[in-house]
Amino acid sequence: MSAIETAPKPTSSVVAVEEGGARVDLRTIADLVEPGARVLDVGCGDGSLMEILQARRGVDARGIELSQPGVNECVRRGLSVIQGDADRDLVHYPDGAFDYAILSQTIQATENPKLVLAELLRIGRRAVVSFPNFGHWSVRSSLFFKGRMPVTKSLSYSWYDTPNIHFCTIRDFVELTREVGAEVESAIALDSAGQRVGMRLPWAVWNLLGAQAVFVLRRR
């Protein structure tokens, strides 16, 4: 099966993993969100994505974040946030409460990724998920030639202090979307330099060349 890439082109070119102080995947996500949408940012961290979405897309953004420092920083920035756990607290949100439920670079750190993804699809008309790809060639190379768990730009923690407990590849995630009955509306793979991997390539090629991926999903 070929990868799907139907999302609009970004308004600014992606040139690096870090650009203008924000992660490239956050800027990529912002370009996928319709202006004025209602957005729930799950695992919102310090509020960087919500700030970008408000500034660039004029959205009504709400956040949920587990860490107290993250919540404090969101409040300092004047953002709407509550402290909560993606694994346990999404159940309290009503069906279809948001246009987009977003989970950026967090699904691999959840206890039950399948349940969290199902909840995102219930809460939002669309779910947007970004994650580091454990199938990238640099990860495979590190494991094969060095026999060690990899440390890369997208997977920057050592094995003993990583918050990531469920590593996955792009192909793993595609299979998960099928299991939860989600349709892939659009998908983007970014290489280690933050550039988009070719648009119409098979999932297997994205799995090899994509350092991270962003998926837009909706219920079937």
N, C-alpha and C. Protein backbone atom coordinates (compact mmCIF):
# COMPACT_ATOMS: atom_id res chain seq x y z
N MET A 1 0.84 -1.20 0.00
CA MET A 1 0.00 0.00 0.00
C MET A 1 0.87 1.24 0.00
N SER A 2 0.49 2.25 -0.77
CA SER A 2 1.26 3.48 -0.83
C SER A 2 0.85 4.43 0.26
N ALA A 3 1.80 5.27 0.69
CA ALA A 3 1.50 6.28 1.69
C ALA A 3 0.63 7.35 1.09
N ILE A 4 -0.17 8.00 1.93
CA ILE A 4 -1.10 9.04 1.50
C ILE A 4 -0.56 10.38 1.91
N GLU A 5 -0.55 11.35 0.98
CA GLU A 5 -0.10 12.68 1.33
C GLU A 5 -0.99 13.68 0.62
N THR A 6 -2.07 14.09 1.27
CA THR A 6 -3.02 14.99 0.65
C THR A 6 -3.12 16.31 1.39
N ALA A 7 -2.26 16.49 2.38
CA ALA A 7 -2.33 17.70 3.21
C ALA A 7 -1.84 18.91 2.44
N PRO A 8 -2.31 20.14 2.78
CA PRO A 8 -1.83 21.33 2.13
C PRO A 8 -0.37 21.55 2.41
N LYS A 9 0.31 22.22 1.46
CA LYS A 9 1.71 22.54 1.65
C LYS A 9 1.86 23.55 2.77
N PRO A 10 2.95 23.44 3.55
CA PRO A 10 3.14 24.38 4.65
C PRO A 10 3.37 25.78 4.14
N THR A 11 3.00 26.76 4.95
CA THR A 11 3.17 28.15 4.56
C THR A 11 4.60 28.61 4.68
N SER A 12 5.45 27.87 5.44
CA SER A 12 6.87 28.15 5.50
C SER A 12 7.61 26.85 5.33
N SER A 13 8.75 26.87 4.64
CA SER A 13 9.45 25.65 4.34
C SER A 13 10.05 25.04 5.60
N VAL A 14 10.07 23.71 5.62
CA VAL A 14 10.68 22.99 6.73
C VAL A 14 12.14 22.80 6.39
N VAL A 15 13.04 23.38 7.17
CA VAL A 15 14.44 23.36 6.81
C VAL A 15 15.31 22.70 7.87
N ALA A 16 14.78 22.43 9.04
CA ALA A 16 15.60 21.86 10.10
C ALA A 16 14.70 21.20 11.12
N VAL A 17 15.27 20.34 11.94
CA VAL A 17 14.50 19.71 13.01
C VAL A 17 14.03 20.77 13.99
N GLU A 18 14.82 21.78 14.20
CA GLU A 18 14.43 22.91 15.03
C GLU A 18 14.41 24.15 14.17
N GLU A 19 13.31 24.89 14.15
CA GLU A 19 13.20 26.08 13.32
C GLU A 19 12.49 27.16 14.11
N GLY A 20 13.14 28.30 14.27
CA GLY A 20 12.52 29.41 14.97
C GLY A 20 12.15 29.07 16.39
N GLY A 21 12.90 28.14 17.01
CA GLY A 21 12.66 27.79 18.40
C GLY A 21 11.56 26.78 18.59
N ALA A 22 10.95 26.26 17.53
CA ALA A 22 9.88 25.27 17.66
C ALA A 22 10.24 24.02 16.88
N ARG A 23 9.81 22.86 17.39
CA ARG A 23 10.03 21.62 16.66
C ARG A 23 9.34 21.67 15.32
N VAL A 24 9.99 21.08 14.32
CA VAL A 24 9.42 21.06 12.97
C VAL A 24 8.08 20.33 12.95
N ASP A 25 7.95 19.25 13.73
CA ASP A 25 6.68 18.53 13.69
C ASP A 25 5.53 19.40 14.20
N LEU A 26 5.82 20.34 15.12
CA LEU A 26 4.78 21.24 15.61
C LEU A 26 4.34 22.20 14.51
N ARG A 27 5.28 22.72 13.76
CA ARG A 27 4.93 23.61 12.65
C ARG A 27 4.19 22.85 11.56
N THR A 28 4.60 21.61 11.34
CA THR A 28 3.91 20.77 10.36
C THR A 28 2.47 20.51 10.79
N ILE A 29 2.27 20.20 12.06
CA ILE A 29 0.92 19.97 12.58
C ILE A 29 0.08 21.23 12.42
N ALA A 30 0.65 22.39 12.74
CA ALA A 30 -0.10 23.64 12.64
C ALA A 30 -0.62 23.86 11.22
N ASP A 31 0.17 23.49 10.23
CA ASP A 31 -0.26 23.66 8.85
C ASP A 31 -1.39 22.72 8.44
N LEU A 32 -1.61 21.68 9.23
CA LEU A 32 -2.66 20.71 8.92
C LEU A 32 -4.00 21.06 9.58
N VAL A 33 -4.00 22.02 10.48
CA VAL A 33 -5.20 22.36 11.24
C VAL A 33 -5.93 23.52 10.57
N GLU A 34 -7.24 23.37 10.43
CA GLU A 34 -8.05 24.42 9.79
C GLU A 34 -8.12 25.66 10.68
N PRO A 35 -8.06 26.84 10.09
CA PRO A 35 -8.16 28.08 10.88
C PRO A 35 -9.47 28.11 11.68
N GLY A 36 -9.37 28.60 12.91
CA GLY A 36 -10.55 28.77 13.75
C GLY A 36 -11.09 27.50 14.37
N ALA A 37 -10.37 26.40 14.24
CA ALA A 37 -10.85 25.11 14.76
C ALA A 37 -10.78 25.06 16.28
N ARG A 38 -11.55 24.15 16.86
CA ARG A 38 -11.47 23.83 18.29
C ARG A 38 -10.48 22.69 18.45
N VAL A 39 -9.45 22.91 19.26
CA VAL A 39 -8.33 21.96 19.34
C VAL A 39 -8.08 21.56 20.79
N LEU A 40 -7.88 20.25 21.00
CA LEU A 40 -7.40 19.75 22.29
C LEU A 40 -6.00 19.21 22.06
N ASP A 41 -5.01 19.79 22.75
CA ASP A 41 -3.63 19.35 22.65
C ASP A 41 -3.33 18.47 23.86
N VAL A 42 -3.23 17.17 23.61
CA VAL A 42 -3.04 16.19 24.68
C VAL A 42 -1.53 15.98 24.90
N GLY A 43 -1.10 16.14 26.15
CA GLY A 43 0.32 16.11 26.42
C GLY A 43 0.98 17.35 25.85
N CYS A 44 0.41 18.50 26.18
CA CYS A 44 0.78 19.76 25.51
C CYS A 44 2.13 20.31 25.96
N GLY A 45 2.76 19.70 26.96
CA GLY A 45 4.08 20.16 27.38
C GLY A 45 4.06 21.60 27.85
N ASP A 46 4.96 22.41 27.29
CA ASP A 46 5.04 23.82 27.70
C ASP A 46 4.11 24.73 26.94
N GLY A 47 3.26 24.14 26.06
CA GLY A 47 2.28 24.94 25.33
C GLY A 47 2.76 25.49 24.01
N SER A 48 3.92 25.03 23.53
CA SER A 48 4.48 25.56 22.28
C SER A 48 3.53 25.39 21.10
N LEU A 49 2.93 24.19 20.98
CA LEU A 49 2.03 23.96 19.85
C LEU A 49 0.79 24.83 19.95
N MET A 50 0.19 24.93 21.12
CA MET A 50 -0.99 25.77 21.28
C MET A 50 -0.68 27.22 20.93
N GLU A 51 0.49 27.68 21.32
CA GLU A 51 0.89 29.05 21.01
C GLU A 51 1.01 29.26 19.50
N ILE A 52 1.61 28.28 18.81
CA ILE A 52 1.74 28.37 17.36
C ILE A 52 0.36 28.33 16.69
N LEU A 53 -0.50 27.43 17.16
CA LEU A 53 -1.84 27.30 16.58
C LEU A 53 -2.66 28.57 16.76
N GLN A 54 -2.56 29.19 17.91
CA GLN A 54 -3.30 30.43 18.14
C GLN A 54 -2.77 31.56 17.27
N ALA A 55 -1.46 31.64 17.15
CA ALA A 55 -0.85 32.73 16.39
C ALA A 55 -1.05 32.57 14.89
N ARG A 56 -0.93 31.34 14.39
CA ARG A 56 -0.94 31.12 12.95
C ARG A 56 -2.29 30.71 12.41
N ARG A 57 -3.13 30.08 13.23
CA ARG A 57 -4.40 29.53 12.73
C ARG A 57 -5.62 30.09 13.45
N GLY A 58 -5.42 30.87 14.49
CA GLY A 58 -6.55 31.48 15.19
C GLY A 58 -7.48 30.47 15.80
N VAL A 59 -6.93 29.38 16.36
CA VAL A 59 -7.77 28.31 16.89
C VAL A 59 -8.19 28.60 18.33
N ASP A 60 -9.20 27.86 18.77
CA ASP A 60 -9.58 27.83 20.19
C ASP A 60 -8.89 26.61 20.77
N ALA A 61 -7.74 26.81 21.42
CA ALA A 61 -6.90 25.69 21.86
C ALA A 61 -7.01 25.46 23.35
N ARG A 62 -7.16 24.20 23.73
CA ARG A 62 -7.14 23.77 25.13
C ARG A 62 -6.07 22.69 25.27
N GLY A 63 -5.46 22.60 26.44
CA GLY A 63 -4.41 21.62 26.65
C GLY A 63 -4.64 20.76 27.87
N ILE A 64 -4.06 19.56 27.84
CA ILE A 64 -4.02 18.70 29.00
C ILE A 64 -2.59 18.20 29.12
N GLU A 65 -2.00 18.36 30.31
CA GLU A 65 -0.58 18.04 30.51
C GLU A 65 -0.39 17.41 31.87
N LEU A 66 0.43 16.36 31.92
CA LEU A 66 0.66 15.63 33.15
C LEU A 66 1.63 16.34 34.09
N SER A 67 2.69 16.90 33.55
CA SER A 67 3.75 17.45 34.40
C SER A 67 3.38 18.83 34.95
N GLN A 68 3.68 19.05 36.22
CA GLN A 68 3.40 20.34 36.83
C GLN A 68 4.22 21.47 36.19
N PRO A 69 5.51 21.26 35.88
CA PRO A 69 6.26 22.33 35.21
C PRO A 69 5.65 22.73 33.87
N GLY A 70 5.15 21.72 33.11
CA GLY A 70 4.50 22.02 31.84
C GLY A 70 3.25 22.84 32.03
N VAL A 71 2.42 22.45 32.99
CA VAL A 71 1.20 23.21 33.30
C VAL A 71 1.55 24.63 33.70
N ASN A 72 2.55 24.78 34.55
CA ASN A 72 2.96 26.11 35.02
C ASN A 72 3.39 26.99 33.85
N GLU A 73 4.14 26.40 32.91
CA GLU A 73 4.62 27.20 31.77
C GLU A 73 3.46 27.59 30.87
N CYS A 74 2.49 26.70 30.68
CA CYS A 74 1.31 27.04 29.88
C CYS A 74 0.55 28.20 30.51
N VAL A 75 0.37 28.14 31.82
CA VAL A 75 -0.32 29.22 32.54
C VAL A 75 0.45 30.52 32.40
N ARG A 76 1.78 30.44 32.49
CA ARG A 76 2.60 31.64 32.35
C ARG A 76 2.42 32.28 30.97
N ARG A 77 2.18 31.44 29.98
CA ARG A 77 1.98 31.93 28.61
C ARG A 77 0.55 32.37 28.35
N GLY A 78 -0.32 32.23 29.35
CA GLY A 78 -1.70 32.64 29.19
C GLY A 78 -2.55 31.64 28.43
N LEU A 79 -2.17 30.35 28.44
CA LEU A 79 -2.88 29.31 27.71
C LEU A 79 -3.84 28.57 28.61
N SER A 80 -4.89 28.02 28.01
CA SER A 80 -5.89 27.27 28.75
C SER A 80 -5.44 25.82 28.88
N VAL A 81 -5.15 25.38 30.10
CA VAL A 81 -4.62 24.04 30.32
C VAL A 81 -5.13 23.47 31.63
N ILE A 82 -5.28 22.13 31.67
CA ILE A 82 -5.57 21.45 32.92
C ILE A 82 -4.53 20.35 33.10
N GLN A 83 -4.30 19.97 34.34
CA GLN A 83 -3.37 18.89 34.60
C GLN A 83 -4.12 17.57 34.51
N GLY A 84 -3.59 16.65 33.71
CA GLY A 84 -4.27 15.37 33.54
C GLY A 84 -3.39 14.37 32.82
N ASP A 85 -3.84 13.14 32.81
CA ASP A 85 -3.09 12.01 32.27
C ASP A 85 -3.83 11.48 31.04
N ALA A 86 -3.13 11.41 29.90
CA ALA A 86 -3.75 10.94 28.67
C ALA A 86 -4.30 9.52 28.81
N ASP A 87 -3.64 8.68 29.60
CA ASP A 87 -4.08 7.30 29.76
C ASP A 87 -5.36 7.17 30.57
N ARG A 88 -5.66 8.17 31.41
CA ARG A 88 -6.77 8.00 32.36
C ARG A 88 -7.86 9.07 32.26
N ASP A 89 -7.53 10.24 31.77
CA ASP A 89 -8.45 11.36 31.89
C ASP A 89 -9.19 11.74 30.60
N LEU A 90 -8.81 11.16 29.47
CA LEU A 90 -9.52 11.50 28.23
C LEU A 90 -10.96 11.01 28.25
N VAL A 91 -11.23 10.00 29.05
CA VAL A 91 -12.58 9.45 29.13
C VAL A 91 -13.59 10.50 29.60
N HIS A 92 -13.14 11.54 30.26
CA HIS A 92 -14.04 12.56 30.80
C HIS A 92 -14.49 13.58 29.76
N TYR A 93 -13.89 13.54 28.56
CA TYR A 93 -14.29 14.48 27.51
C TYR A 93 -15.43 13.88 26.70
N PRO A 94 -16.42 14.70 26.33
CA PRO A 94 -17.56 14.17 25.55
C PRO A 94 -17.19 13.86 24.11
N ASP A 95 -18.00 13.04 23.49
CA ASP A 95 -17.79 12.69 22.08
C ASP A 95 -17.83 13.94 21.21
N GLY A 96 -16.90 14.02 20.26
CA GLY A 96 -16.92 15.10 19.28
C GLY A 96 -16.81 16.48 19.86
N ALA A 97 -16.13 16.62 20.99
CA ALA A 97 -16.04 17.92 21.65
C ALA A 97 -15.11 18.88 20.92
N PHE A 98 -14.21 18.35 20.09
CA PHE A 98 -13.22 19.18 19.41
C PHE A 98 -13.16 18.82 17.93
N ASP A 99 -12.70 19.77 17.14
CA ASP A 99 -12.45 19.50 15.72
C ASP A 99 -11.20 18.64 15.56
N TYR A 100 -10.19 18.92 16.39
CA TYR A 100 -8.93 18.17 16.34
C TYR A 100 -8.51 17.79 17.76
N ALA A 101 -8.14 16.53 17.94
CA ALA A 101 -7.47 16.09 19.16
C ALA A 101 -6.05 15.72 18.75
N ILE A 102 -5.08 16.40 19.32
CA ILE A 102 -3.69 16.28 18.87
C ILE A 102 -2.83 15.62 19.93
N LEU A 103 -1.97 14.72 19.49
CA LEU A 103 -1.01 14.06 20.36
C LEU A 103 0.35 14.12 19.67
N SER A 104 1.22 15.04 20.09
CA SER A 104 2.50 15.24 19.41
C SER A 104 3.65 14.67 20.22
N GLN A 105 4.34 13.69 19.61
CA GLN A 105 5.53 13.07 20.20
C GLN A 105 5.24 12.52 21.61
N THR A 106 4.04 11.97 21.79
CA THR A 106 3.64 11.50 23.12
C THR A 106 3.10 10.09 23.12
N ILE A 107 2.58 9.59 22.00
CA ILE A 107 1.91 8.30 22.02
C ILE A 107 2.84 7.18 22.48
N GLN A 108 4.13 7.29 22.15
CA GLN A 108 5.08 6.26 22.55
C GLN A 108 5.38 6.29 24.05
N ALA A 109 4.95 7.37 24.72
CA ALA A 109 5.17 7.49 26.16
C ALA A 109 3.93 7.13 26.97
N THR A 110 2.85 6.73 26.30
CA THR A 110 1.62 6.37 27.01
C THR A 110 1.65 4.90 27.40
N GLU A 111 0.86 4.56 28.42
CA GLU A 111 0.79 3.16 28.88
C GLU A 111 -0.01 2.29 27.91
N ASN A 112 -1.05 2.87 27.31
CA ASN A 112 -1.92 2.10 26.42
C ASN A 112 -2.18 2.91 25.15
N PRO A 113 -1.25 2.88 24.19
CA PRO A 113 -1.39 3.68 22.98
C PRO A 113 -2.68 3.42 22.20
N LYS A 114 -3.11 2.16 22.16
CA LYS A 114 -4.32 1.83 21.40
C LYS A 114 -5.55 2.50 22.01
N LEU A 115 -5.65 2.46 23.33
CA LEU A 115 -6.77 3.11 24.01
C LEU A 115 -6.72 4.62 23.84
N VAL A 116 -5.54 5.20 23.98
CA VAL A 116 -5.40 6.65 23.84
C VAL A 116 -5.79 7.08 22.44
N LEU A 117 -5.35 6.34 21.42
CA LEU A 117 -5.70 6.70 20.05
C LEU A 117 -7.21 6.59 19.82
N ALA A 118 -7.84 5.57 20.36
CA ALA A 118 -9.29 5.42 20.24
C ALA A 118 -10.01 6.59 20.90
N GLU A 119 -9.50 7.05 22.04
CA GLU A 119 -10.10 8.19 22.72
C GLU A 119 -9.94 9.47 21.91
N LEU A 120 -8.78 9.66 21.30
CA LEU A 120 -8.58 10.84 20.45
C LEU A 120 -9.61 10.87 19.33
N LEU A 121 -9.84 9.73 18.71
CA LEU A 121 -10.80 9.64 17.60
C LEU A 121 -12.23 9.84 18.07
N ARG A 122 -12.51 9.51 19.32
CA ARG A 122 -13.85 9.74 19.87
C ARG A 122 -14.06 11.21 20.20
N ILE A 123 -13.03 11.85 20.74
CA ILE A 123 -13.15 13.23 21.21
C ILE A 123 -13.13 14.22 20.06
N GLY A 124 -12.31 13.96 19.05
CA GLY A 124 -12.15 14.90 17.94
C GLY A 124 -12.72 14.38 16.63
N ARG A 125 -13.13 15.30 15.78
CA ARG A 125 -13.54 14.90 14.43
C ARG A 125 -12.34 14.32 13.68
N ARG A 126 -11.17 14.85 13.99
CA ARG A 126 -9.92 14.31 13.46
C ARG A 126 -8.92 14.19 14.60
N ALA A 127 -8.05 13.21 14.49
CA ALA A 127 -6.94 13.06 15.42
C ALA A 127 -5.65 13.30 14.65
N VAL A 128 -4.76 14.07 15.24
CA VAL A 128 -3.45 14.33 14.64
C VAL A 128 -2.39 13.77 15.58
N VAL A 129 -1.56 12.88 15.07
CA VAL A 129 -0.56 12.20 15.90
C VAL A 129 0.81 12.30 15.23
N SER A 130 1.80 12.75 15.99
CA SER A 130 3.19 12.71 15.51
C SER A 130 4.00 11.85 16.46
N PHE A 131 5.02 11.19 15.93
CA PHE A 131 5.83 10.30 16.75
C PHE A 131 7.18 10.05 16.07
N PRO A 132 8.21 9.73 16.86
CA PRO A 132 9.49 9.34 16.28
C PRO A 132 9.41 7.93 15.72
N ASN A 133 10.06 7.70 14.59
CA ASN A 133 9.99 6.42 13.91
C ASN A 133 11.17 5.53 14.28
N PHE A 134 10.87 4.46 14.98
CA PHE A 134 11.90 3.54 15.42
C PHE A 134 12.40 2.65 14.28
N GLY A 135 11.77 2.76 13.11
CA GLY A 135 12.21 1.98 11.94
C GLY A 135 13.16 2.74 11.04
N HIS A 136 13.53 3.98 11.42
CA HIS A 136 14.43 4.79 10.60
C HIS A 136 15.78 4.08 10.41
N TRP A 137 16.41 4.33 9.27
CA TRP A 137 17.67 3.62 8.95
C TRP A 137 18.75 3.83 10.01
N SER A 138 18.79 5.03 10.63
CA SER A 138 19.83 5.30 11.62
C SER A 138 19.63 4.45 12.88
N VAL A 139 18.37 4.19 13.21
CA VAL A 139 18.05 3.34 14.36
C VAL A 139 18.46 1.90 14.05
N ARG A 140 18.10 1.44 12.87
CA ARG A 140 18.46 0.08 12.47
C ARG A 140 19.98 -0.08 12.43
N SER A 141 20.66 0.94 11.92
CA SER A 141 22.12 0.88 11.81
C SER A 141 22.77 0.79 13.19
N SER A 142 22.27 1.58 14.14
CA SER A 142 22.83 1.57 15.49
C SER A 142 22.66 0.21 16.14
N LEU A 143 21.48 -0.37 15.97
CA LEU A 143 21.23 -1.68 16.55
C LEU A 143 22.07 -2.76 15.88
N PHE A 144 22.19 -2.68 14.55
CA PHE A 144 22.87 -3.73 13.81
C PHE A 144 24.38 -3.67 13.98
N PHE A 145 24.96 -2.47 13.81
CA PHE A 145 26.41 -2.36 13.81
C PHE A 145 27.00 -2.16 15.21
N LYS A 146 26.28 -1.43 16.07
CA LYS A 146 26.80 -1.16 17.41
C LYS A 146 26.23 -2.06 18.48
N GLY A 147 25.09 -2.66 18.18
CA GLY A 147 24.45 -3.52 19.17
C GLY A 147 23.96 -2.75 20.37
N ARG A 148 23.61 -1.46 20.17
CA ARG A 148 23.18 -0.62 21.28
C ARG A 148 21.89 0.10 20.92
N MET A 149 21.11 0.44 21.95
CA MET A 149 19.90 1.22 21.72
C MET A 149 20.30 2.59 21.17
N PRO A 150 19.63 3.06 20.14
CA PRO A 150 20.05 4.28 19.45
C PRO A 150 19.71 5.55 20.22
N VAL A 151 20.52 6.57 19.99
CA VAL A 151 20.23 7.93 20.43
C VAL A 151 20.32 8.81 19.20
N THR A 152 19.18 9.39 18.79
CA THR A 152 19.12 10.23 17.60
C THR A 152 18.44 11.54 17.95
N LYS A 153 18.29 12.43 16.94
CA LYS A 153 17.60 13.69 17.17
C LYS A 153 16.16 13.46 17.60
N SER A 154 15.52 12.47 17.01
CA SER A 154 14.12 12.19 17.34
C SER A 154 13.97 11.29 18.56
N LEU A 155 15.00 10.50 18.85
CA LEU A 155 15.01 9.61 20.01
C LEU A 155 16.24 9.97 20.83
N SER A 156 16.13 11.05 21.57
CA SER A 156 17.31 11.69 22.15
C SER A 156 17.67 11.22 23.56
N TYR A 157 16.92 10.26 24.10
CA TYR A 157 17.19 9.78 25.45
C TYR A 157 18.00 8.49 25.43
N SER A 158 18.81 8.30 26.45
CA SER A 158 19.46 7.01 26.64
C SER A 158 18.42 6.00 27.13
N TRP A 159 18.68 4.72 26.92
CA TRP A 159 17.68 3.70 27.23
C TRP A 159 17.25 3.70 28.68
N TYR A 160 18.16 4.13 29.58
CA TYR A 160 17.86 4.04 31.02
C TYR A 160 17.09 5.23 31.57
N ASP A 161 16.95 6.31 30.79
CA ASP A 161 16.19 7.45 31.31
C ASP A 161 15.13 7.96 30.33
N THR A 162 14.78 7.12 29.35
CA THR A 162 13.79 7.54 28.36
C THR A 162 12.37 7.47 28.91
N PRO A 163 11.53 8.45 28.56
CA PRO A 163 10.10 8.37 28.92
C PRO A 163 9.32 7.49 27.94
N ASN A 164 9.97 7.09 26.84
CA ASN A 164 9.31 6.30 25.81
C ASN A 164 9.25 4.84 26.23
N ILE A 165 8.04 4.32 26.35
CA ILE A 165 7.88 2.94 26.80
C ILE A 165 7.28 2.03 25.73
N HIS A 166 6.79 2.62 24.63
CA HIS A 166 6.23 1.84 23.53
C HIS A 166 6.78 2.38 22.21
N PHE A 167 8.01 2.00 21.87
CA PHE A 167 8.58 2.41 20.59
C PHE A 167 7.78 1.78 19.46
N CYS A 168 7.61 2.54 18.37
CA CYS A 168 6.91 1.99 17.22
C CYS A 168 7.51 2.53 15.93
N THR A 169 7.22 1.86 14.85
CA THR A 169 7.63 2.30 13.53
C THR A 169 6.41 2.86 12.80
N ILE A 170 6.66 3.46 11.65
CA ILE A 170 5.55 3.98 10.85
C ILE A 170 4.62 2.84 10.45
N ARG A 171 5.18 1.71 10.09
CA ARG A 171 4.34 0.57 9.70
C ARG A 171 3.55 0.04 10.89
N ASP A 172 4.14 0.05 12.07
CA ASP A 172 3.40 -0.35 13.28
C ASP A 172 2.20 0.57 13.49
N PHE A 173 2.43 1.88 13.31
CA PHE A 173 1.35 2.83 13.56
C PHE A 173 0.24 2.68 12.52
N VAL A 174 0.61 2.45 11.27
CA VAL A 174 -0.41 2.23 10.23
C VAL A 174 -1.28 1.03 10.60
N GLU A 175 -0.67 -0.03 11.09
CA GLU A 175 -1.43 -1.21 11.51
C GLU A 175 -2.34 -0.88 12.69
N LEU A 176 -1.86 -0.06 13.61
CA LEU A 176 -2.68 0.34 14.75
C LEU A 176 -3.91 1.13 14.30
N THR A 177 -3.74 1.99 13.31
CA THR A 177 -4.90 2.76 12.82
C THR A 177 -5.98 1.82 12.28
N ARG A 178 -5.55 0.73 11.66
CA ARG A 178 -6.52 -0.24 11.14
C ARG A 178 -7.24 -0.95 12.27
N GLU A 179 -6.49 -1.25 13.32
CA GLU A 179 -7.09 -1.97 14.46
C GLU A 179 -8.14 -1.14 15.19
N VAL A 180 -7.96 0.18 15.22
CA VAL A 180 -8.92 1.04 15.91
C VAL A 180 -9.99 1.56 14.96
N GLY A 181 -9.94 1.14 13.69
CA GLY A 181 -10.95 1.55 12.72
C GLY A 181 -10.82 2.98 12.26
N ALA A 182 -9.58 3.47 12.16
CA ALA A 182 -9.34 4.84 11.73
C ALA A 182 -8.97 4.89 10.26
N GLU A 183 -9.34 5.97 9.61
CA GLU A 183 -8.94 6.21 8.22
C GLU A 183 -7.81 7.23 8.21
N VAL A 184 -6.75 6.94 7.46
CA VAL A 184 -5.64 7.88 7.31
C VAL A 184 -6.04 8.92 6.27
N GLU A 185 -6.33 10.11 6.73
CA GLU A 185 -6.73 11.19 5.83
C GLU A 185 -5.53 11.79 5.13
N SER A 186 -4.44 11.97 5.87
CA SER A 186 -3.18 12.43 5.28
C SER A 186 -2.04 12.02 6.19
N ALA A 187 -0.85 11.96 5.63
CA ALA A 187 0.31 11.58 6.40
C ALA A 187 1.55 12.24 5.82
N ILE A 188 2.47 12.58 6.70
CA ILE A 188 3.72 13.22 6.29
C ILE A 188 4.85 12.56 7.06
N ALA A 189 5.92 12.21 6.36
CA ALA A 189 7.14 11.73 7.00
C ALA A 189 8.22 12.78 6.84
N LEU A 190 8.98 13.01 7.92
CA LEU A 190 10.07 13.98 7.91
C LEU A 190 11.38 13.24 8.13
N ASP A 191 12.39 13.58 7.33
CA ASP A 191 13.69 12.94 7.53
C ASP A 191 14.44 13.59 8.68
N SER A 192 15.66 13.17 8.93
CA SER A 192 16.40 13.66 10.09
C SER A 192 16.78 15.12 9.99
N ALA A 193 16.68 15.70 8.78
CA ALA A 193 16.94 17.13 8.59
C ALA A 193 15.67 17.96 8.64
N GLY A 194 14.53 17.31 8.84
CA GLY A 194 13.27 18.02 8.90
C GLY A 194 12.61 18.20 7.55
N GLN A 195 13.15 17.60 6.49
CA GLN A 195 12.58 17.69 5.15
C GLN A 195 11.55 16.59 4.94
N ARG A 196 10.54 16.90 4.13
CA ARG A 196 9.53 15.89 3.83
C ARG A 196 10.12 14.78 2.97
N VAL A 197 9.82 13.55 3.34
CA VAL A 197 10.15 12.40 2.51
C VAL A 197 9.16 12.38 1.35
N GLY A 198 9.58 11.82 0.20
CA GLY A 198 8.75 11.81 -1.01
C GLY A 198 7.29 11.50 -0.78
N MET A 199 6.43 12.16 -1.51
CA MET A 199 5.00 12.14 -1.25
C MET A 199 4.34 10.79 -1.49
N ARG A 200 4.61 10.17 -2.61
CA ARG A 200 3.84 8.99 -3.03
C ARG A 200 4.63 7.70 -2.89
N LEU A 201 5.45 7.62 -1.89
CA LEU A 201 6.26 6.43 -1.68
C LEU A 201 5.52 5.41 -0.83
N PRO A 202 5.85 4.13 -0.97
CA PRO A 202 5.21 3.09 -0.14
C PRO A 202 5.56 3.28 1.34
N TRP A 203 4.72 2.73 2.21
CA TRP A 203 4.98 2.82 3.64
C TRP A 203 6.35 2.28 3.99
N ALA A 204 6.80 1.22 3.31
CA ALA A 204 8.09 0.61 3.63
C ALA A 204 9.24 1.59 3.43
N VAL A 205 9.15 2.45 2.43
CA VAL A 205 10.20 3.44 2.17
C VAL A 205 10.13 4.54 3.23
N TRP A 206 8.93 5.00 3.54
CA TRP A 206 8.79 5.99 4.62
C TRP A 206 9.34 5.43 5.92
N ASN A 207 9.11 4.15 6.15
CA ASN A 207 9.56 3.51 7.38
C ASN A 207 11.08 3.51 7.49
N LEU A 208 11.76 3.49 6.35
CA LEU A 208 13.22 3.48 6.32
C LEU A 208 13.81 4.89 6.39
N LEU A 209 13.17 5.86 5.73
CA LEU A 209 13.74 7.20 5.57
C LEU A 209 13.15 8.24 6.52
N GLY A 210 11.99 7.98 7.09
CA GLY A 210 11.34 8.97 7.96
C GLY A 210 11.83 8.90 9.39
N ALA A 211 12.43 9.98 9.87
CA ALA A 211 12.85 10.03 11.27
C ALA A 211 11.66 10.23 12.19
N GLN A 212 10.63 10.90 11.68
CA GLN A 212 9.40 11.09 12.43
C GLN A 212 8.25 11.20 11.45
N ALA A 213 7.03 11.05 11.95
CA ALA A 213 5.86 11.07 11.08
C ALA A 213 4.73 11.84 11.75
N VAL A 214 3.86 12.40 10.90
CA VAL A 214 2.66 13.09 11.36
C VAL A 214 1.48 12.52 10.59
N PHE A 215 0.47 12.03 11.30
CA PHE A 215 -0.72 11.44 10.69
C PHE A 215 -1.96 12.25 11.08
N VAL A 216 -2.85 12.45 10.11
CA VAL A 216 -4.17 12.99 10.36
C VAL A 216 -5.16 11.86 10.14
N LEU A 217 -5.94 11.55 11.17
CA LEU A 217 -6.85 10.42 11.14
C LEU A 217 -8.29 10.86 11.38
N ARG A 218 -9.22 10.05 10.93
CA ARG A 218 -10.63 10.26 11.28
C ARG A 218 -11.31 8.90 11.39
N ARG A 219 -12.44 8.89 12.07
CA ARG A 219 -13.19 7.65 12.22
C ARG A 219 -13.74 7.22 10.87
N ARG A 220 -13.80 5.92 10.64
CA ARG A 220 -14.39 5.41 9.39
C ARG A 220 -15.91 5.56 9.43
